[in-house]
Amino acid sequence: MAEKNEQLIETIDEEGNKVSFELLDIVTVENIEYALLLPVKTNKDDKDEGEILVMRLKKDGEEFSFEAIEDDEEFNRIAEYIEELEDEIEE
């Protein structure tokens, strides 16, 4: 049986709750790295698979952090890039 290679990331949200994400991929757009994150289900009865989050990846030495993308134009550029990648994969 093949093992699933998961990279799990735990962080604290604005309300102080621990949140876990699976790191799906890191993409670079215009020399900026972005992480594609999938929230990990905490409740086995939860049928919603969740939406993929795209966050700016910041490196400070050995430390990594994620920043929300507030700018609509920046977000649209990344979303368009990801859609192009998906189209290439499907072909």
N, C-alpha and C. Protein backbone atom coordinates (compact mmCIF):
# COMPACT_ATOMS: atom_id res chain seq x y z
N MET A 1 0.84 -1.17 0.00
CA MET A 1 0.00 0.00 0.00
C MET A 1 0.89 1.23 0.00
N ALA A 2 0.59 2.21 -0.87
CA ALA A 2 1.38 3.43 -0.97
C ALA A 2 1.06 4.36 0.19
N GLU A 3 2.11 5.01 0.70
CA GLU A 3 1.90 5.98 1.77
C GLU A 3 1.63 7.34 1.18
N LYS A 4 0.74 8.06 1.82
CA LYS A 4 0.45 9.43 1.40
C LYS A 4 1.47 10.34 2.05
N ASN A 5 2.16 11.13 1.24
CA ASN A 5 3.18 12.04 1.75
C ASN A 5 2.52 13.36 2.11
N GLU A 6 2.21 13.53 3.38
CA GLU A 6 1.55 14.75 3.84
C GLU A 6 2.52 15.61 4.61
N GLN A 7 2.44 16.90 4.39
CA GLN A 7 3.17 17.85 5.20
C GLN A 7 2.12 18.64 5.96
N LEU A 8 2.05 18.40 7.25
CA LEU A 8 1.05 19.08 8.07
C LEU A 8 1.67 20.28 8.76
N ILE A 9 0.89 21.35 8.79
CA ILE A 9 1.31 22.60 9.40
C ILE A 9 0.27 22.97 10.43
N GLU A 10 0.72 23.31 11.62
CA GLU A 10 -0.20 23.77 12.66
C GLU A 10 0.08 25.23 12.94
N THR A 11 -0.99 26.00 13.08
CA THR A 11 -0.86 27.42 13.37
C THR A 11 -1.99 27.83 14.31
N ILE A 12 -1.93 29.05 14.77
CA ILE A 12 -2.95 29.58 15.66
C ILE A 12 -3.72 30.67 14.91
N ASP A 13 -5.06 30.57 14.91
CA ASP A 13 -5.86 31.58 14.21
C ASP A 13 -6.05 32.82 15.09
N GLU A 14 -6.80 33.81 14.56
CA GLU A 14 -6.99 35.07 15.27
C GLU A 14 -7.70 34.90 16.61
N GLU A 15 -8.45 33.81 16.77
CA GLU A 15 -9.20 33.57 17.99
C GLU A 15 -8.44 32.70 18.98
N GLY A 16 -7.18 32.35 18.64
CA GLY A 16 -6.37 31.56 19.55
C GLY A 16 -6.56 30.06 19.42
N ASN A 17 -7.30 29.61 18.39
CA ASN A 17 -7.53 28.19 18.19
C ASN A 17 -6.43 27.58 17.33
N LYS A 18 -6.03 26.35 17.67
CA LYS A 18 -5.04 25.65 16.87
C LYS A 18 -5.73 25.12 15.60
N VAL A 19 -5.10 25.39 14.46
CA VAL A 19 -5.64 24.98 13.17
C VAL A 19 -4.57 24.20 12.43
N SER A 20 -4.96 23.08 11.82
CA SER A 20 -4.01 22.26 11.06
C SER A 20 -4.34 22.34 9.58
N PHE A 21 -3.27 22.40 8.77
CA PHE A 21 -3.39 22.44 7.33
C PHE A 21 -2.46 21.42 6.72
N GLU A 22 -2.87 20.89 5.57
CA GLU A 22 -1.98 20.08 4.77
C GLU A 22 -1.37 21.00 3.72
N LEU A 23 -0.04 21.02 3.64
CA LEU A 23 0.64 21.82 2.64
C LEU A 23 0.59 21.05 1.32
N LEU A 24 -0.20 21.56 0.38
CA LEU A 24 -0.35 20.89 -0.91
C LEU A 24 0.79 21.21 -1.86
N ASP A 25 1.20 22.47 -1.88
CA ASP A 25 2.24 22.88 -2.80
C ASP A 25 2.69 24.29 -2.45
N ILE A 26 3.84 24.66 -2.98
CA ILE A 26 4.33 26.03 -2.91
C ILE A 26 4.58 26.47 -4.34
N VAL A 27 3.99 27.59 -4.72
CA VAL A 27 4.16 28.12 -6.07
C VAL A 27 4.81 29.49 -5.98
N THR A 28 5.56 29.84 -7.02
CA THR A 28 6.21 31.14 -7.07
C THR A 28 5.59 31.94 -8.21
N VAL A 29 5.09 33.11 -7.88
CA VAL A 29 4.50 34.01 -8.86
C VAL A 29 5.16 35.37 -8.67
N GLU A 30 5.78 35.86 -9.74
CA GLU A 30 6.48 37.16 -9.70
C GLU A 30 7.45 37.23 -8.52
N ASN A 31 8.24 36.17 -8.36
CA ASN A 31 9.29 36.07 -7.33
C ASN A 31 8.77 36.08 -5.90
N ILE A 32 7.50 35.80 -5.71
CA ILE A 32 6.92 35.69 -4.37
C ILE A 32 6.38 34.27 -4.22
N GLU A 33 6.69 33.63 -3.07
CA GLU A 33 6.22 32.27 -2.84
C GLU A 33 4.87 32.29 -2.13
N TYR A 34 4.00 31.37 -2.58
CA TYR A 34 2.67 31.23 -2.00
C TYR A 34 2.45 29.77 -1.65
N ALA A 35 1.83 29.53 -0.51
CA ALA A 35 1.53 28.18 -0.06
C ALA A 35 0.06 27.86 -0.36
N LEU A 36 -0.16 26.66 -0.89
CA LEU A 36 -1.51 26.17 -1.11
C LEU A 36 -1.81 25.23 0.06
N LEU A 37 -2.78 25.61 0.88
CA LEU A 37 -3.07 24.91 2.12
C LEU A 37 -4.49 24.36 2.13
N LEU A 38 -4.63 23.14 2.59
CA LEU A 38 -5.95 22.52 2.72
C LEU A 38 -6.22 22.29 4.20
N PRO A 39 -7.29 22.89 4.75
CA PRO A 39 -7.60 22.65 6.16
C PRO A 39 -7.83 21.16 6.42
N VAL A 40 -7.28 20.67 7.52
CA VAL A 40 -7.44 19.27 7.91
C VAL A 40 -8.72 19.15 8.71
N LYS A 41 -9.53 18.16 8.34
CA LYS A 41 -10.79 17.95 9.06
C LYS A 41 -10.50 17.56 10.50
N THR A 42 -11.19 18.18 11.42
CA THR A 42 -11.02 17.84 12.83
C THR A 42 -12.14 16.95 13.32
N ASN A 43 -13.24 16.90 12.59
CA ASN A 43 -14.40 16.10 12.98
C ASN A 43 -14.63 15.06 11.89
N LYS A 44 -14.63 13.79 12.27
CA LYS A 44 -14.81 12.71 11.29
C LYS A 44 -16.16 12.79 10.58
N ASP A 45 -17.14 13.41 11.21
CA ASP A 45 -18.47 13.55 10.60
C ASP A 45 -18.53 14.71 9.63
N ASP A 46 -17.49 15.52 9.59
CA ASP A 46 -17.44 16.69 8.72
C ASP A 46 -17.32 16.23 7.27
N LYS A 47 -18.36 16.46 6.48
CA LYS A 47 -18.37 16.02 5.09
C LYS A 47 -17.78 17.06 4.15
N ASP A 48 -17.65 18.29 4.63
CA ASP A 48 -17.08 19.36 3.82
C ASP A 48 -15.57 19.18 3.75
N GLU A 49 -15.04 19.09 2.52
CA GLU A 49 -13.61 18.89 2.35
C GLU A 49 -12.83 20.17 2.56
N GLY A 50 -13.50 21.30 2.59
CA GLY A 50 -12.82 22.57 2.80
C GLY A 50 -12.28 23.12 1.50
N GLU A 51 -12.00 24.40 1.55
CA GLU A 51 -11.45 25.07 0.39
C GLU A 51 -9.96 25.22 0.55
N ILE A 52 -9.26 25.22 -0.56
CA ILE A 52 -7.82 25.43 -0.53
C ILE A 52 -7.57 26.91 -0.25
N LEU A 53 -6.70 27.16 0.69
CA LEU A 53 -6.31 28.52 1.02
C LEU A 53 -4.99 28.84 0.34
N VAL A 54 -4.86 30.05 -0.15
CA VAL A 54 -3.62 30.51 -0.73
C VAL A 54 -3.10 31.63 0.16
N MET A 55 -1.89 31.44 0.67
CA MET A 55 -1.31 32.43 1.57
C MET A 55 0.12 32.74 1.14
N ARG A 56 0.52 33.98 1.34
CA ARG A 56 1.89 34.39 1.03
C ARG A 56 2.82 33.74 2.05
N LEU A 57 3.91 33.15 1.57
CA LEU A 57 4.88 32.48 2.42
C LEU A 57 6.03 33.43 2.71
N LYS A 58 6.29 33.66 3.97
CA LYS A 58 7.39 34.53 4.39
C LYS A 58 8.43 33.68 5.10
N LYS A 59 9.71 33.91 4.77
CA LYS A 59 10.81 33.21 5.42
C LYS A 59 11.63 34.22 6.20
N ASP A 60 11.94 33.87 7.44
CA ASP A 60 12.82 34.69 8.26
C ASP A 60 13.85 33.74 8.86
N GLY A 61 14.97 33.57 8.16
CA GLY A 61 15.97 32.60 8.58
C GLY A 61 15.41 31.20 8.43
N GLU A 62 15.32 30.48 9.53
CA GLU A 62 14.77 29.12 9.54
C GLU A 62 13.27 29.10 9.78
N GLU A 63 12.70 30.24 10.13
CA GLU A 63 11.28 30.34 10.45
C GLU A 63 10.44 30.66 9.22
N PHE A 64 9.26 30.10 9.17
CA PHE A 64 8.30 30.37 8.10
C PHE A 64 7.03 30.91 8.73
N SER A 65 6.38 31.82 8.01
CA SER A 65 5.08 32.31 8.43
C SER A 65 4.21 32.50 7.20
N PHE A 66 2.93 32.60 7.43
CA PHE A 66 1.97 32.77 6.35
C PHE A 66 1.24 34.08 6.54
N GLU A 67 1.03 34.78 5.43
CA GLU A 67 0.29 36.04 5.48
C GLU A 67 -0.91 35.96 4.55
N ALA A 68 -2.01 36.50 5.01
CA ALA A 68 -3.20 36.57 4.16
C ALA A 68 -2.93 37.53 3.01
N ILE A 69 -3.56 37.28 1.90
CA ILE A 69 -3.44 38.15 0.73
C ILE A 69 -4.62 39.10 0.76
N GLU A 70 -4.34 40.35 1.07
CA GLU A 70 -5.39 41.36 1.21
C GLU A 70 -5.72 42.03 -0.12
N ASP A 71 -4.75 42.10 -1.02
CA ASP A 71 -4.91 42.82 -2.28
C ASP A 71 -5.63 41.94 -3.31
N ASP A 72 -6.77 42.41 -3.83
CA ASP A 72 -7.55 41.64 -4.79
C ASP A 72 -6.78 41.36 -6.08
N GLU A 73 -6.02 42.34 -6.56
CA GLU A 73 -5.25 42.14 -7.79
C GLU A 73 -4.19 41.05 -7.61
N GLU A 74 -3.51 41.07 -6.48
CA GLU A 74 -2.50 40.05 -6.20
C GLU A 74 -3.16 38.67 -6.14
N PHE A 75 -4.28 38.59 -5.42
CA PHE A 75 -4.98 37.30 -5.31
C PHE A 75 -5.43 36.81 -6.68
N ASN A 76 -5.97 37.70 -7.51
CA ASN A 76 -6.44 37.30 -8.84
C ASN A 76 -5.30 36.79 -9.70
N ARG A 77 -4.10 37.40 -9.60
CA ARG A 77 -2.94 36.93 -10.36
C ARG A 77 -2.58 35.50 -9.96
N ILE A 78 -2.60 35.23 -8.66
CA ILE A 78 -2.24 33.90 -8.19
C ILE A 78 -3.31 32.89 -8.58
N ALA A 79 -4.56 33.26 -8.44
CA ALA A 79 -5.65 32.36 -8.82
C ALA A 79 -5.57 32.01 -10.30
N GLU A 80 -5.28 32.99 -11.13
CA GLU A 80 -5.14 32.76 -12.57
C GLU A 80 -3.97 31.82 -12.86
N TYR A 81 -2.86 32.01 -12.17
CA TYR A 81 -1.69 31.15 -12.34
C TYR A 81 -2.03 29.71 -11.95
N ILE A 82 -2.72 29.54 -10.84
CA ILE A 82 -3.08 28.19 -10.38
C ILE A 82 -4.03 27.53 -11.37
N GLU A 83 -4.98 28.28 -11.91
CA GLU A 83 -5.90 27.73 -12.90
C GLU A 83 -5.15 27.28 -14.15
N GLU A 84 -4.14 28.06 -14.57
CA GLU A 84 -3.32 27.67 -15.72
C GLU A 84 -2.58 26.38 -15.44
N LEU A 85 -2.06 26.22 -14.22
CA LEU A 85 -1.38 24.99 -13.85
C LEU A 85 -2.33 23.80 -13.91
N GLU A 86 -3.54 23.99 -13.38
CA GLU A 86 -4.54 22.92 -13.41
C GLU A 86 -4.87 22.53 -14.84
N ASP A 87 -5.01 23.52 -15.72
CA ASP A 87 -5.31 23.24 -17.13
C ASP A 87 -4.18 22.43 -17.78
N GLU A 88 -2.93 22.77 -17.47
CA GLU A 88 -1.79 22.04 -18.02
C GLU A 88 -1.77 20.60 -17.54
N ILE A 89 -2.10 20.40 -16.26
CA ILE A 89 -2.12 19.05 -15.69
C ILE A 89 -3.21 18.21 -16.34
N GLU A 90 -4.36 18.81 -16.62
CA GLU A 90 -5.47 18.08 -17.20
C GLU A 90 -5.22 17.66 -18.64
N GLU A 91 -4.34 18.39 -19.33
CA GLU A 91 -4.08 18.10 -20.76
C GLU A 91 -3.23 16.91 -20.95
